[in-house]
């Protein structure tokens, strides 16, 4: 049972890191129309691992677009008015430390965690952007069962999954 939980935990954490890397990319942005302030982030990642999730900013920034995973711990938001590059190292550490809740009877799993994301740079309307966000991620899924009826935690993508990321912070 303990080895099952470890395998399931590993699968959920792999999903969370993949999902996190996708939607966390666009941590914040400041357009030319404002000098900065509070922003909120709303994102729905994909499970592909390379980006393409949708992202939306409200508050001091009103923009939307898609995410793209870059090398290492860096990701990028490709928005209508420019791009924003961020470092995901701290949120990935939070993801790796998070412990999923597993229901062994039906192989459903949930995982939530929070962490900061640092803004590295921007282009277009977001050139010279600074700041950070605290992001909150929720991941849920249903894993397949093995022939013996235990949860198969060796899969990277569950049978069904949902992920949501929200966040807020200050940009300048």
Foldseek 3Di string as FASTA:
>chain_A
DVVLQVLQQVLVLLQCLLQCLAWCFQFDFAFPVDPKWKKKKKWWFDRPSAKFTKIAMDDNDGWIAIKGHDPDQKIWGQIPQWMWIKGRVFVSVQSVPWRWDADFQFGKIKTKTKTKIWTDAMDGRRGPKGWIKIKIKMKIAHADADPVSTGRSNDNDHPDMGMIMMIMIMMD
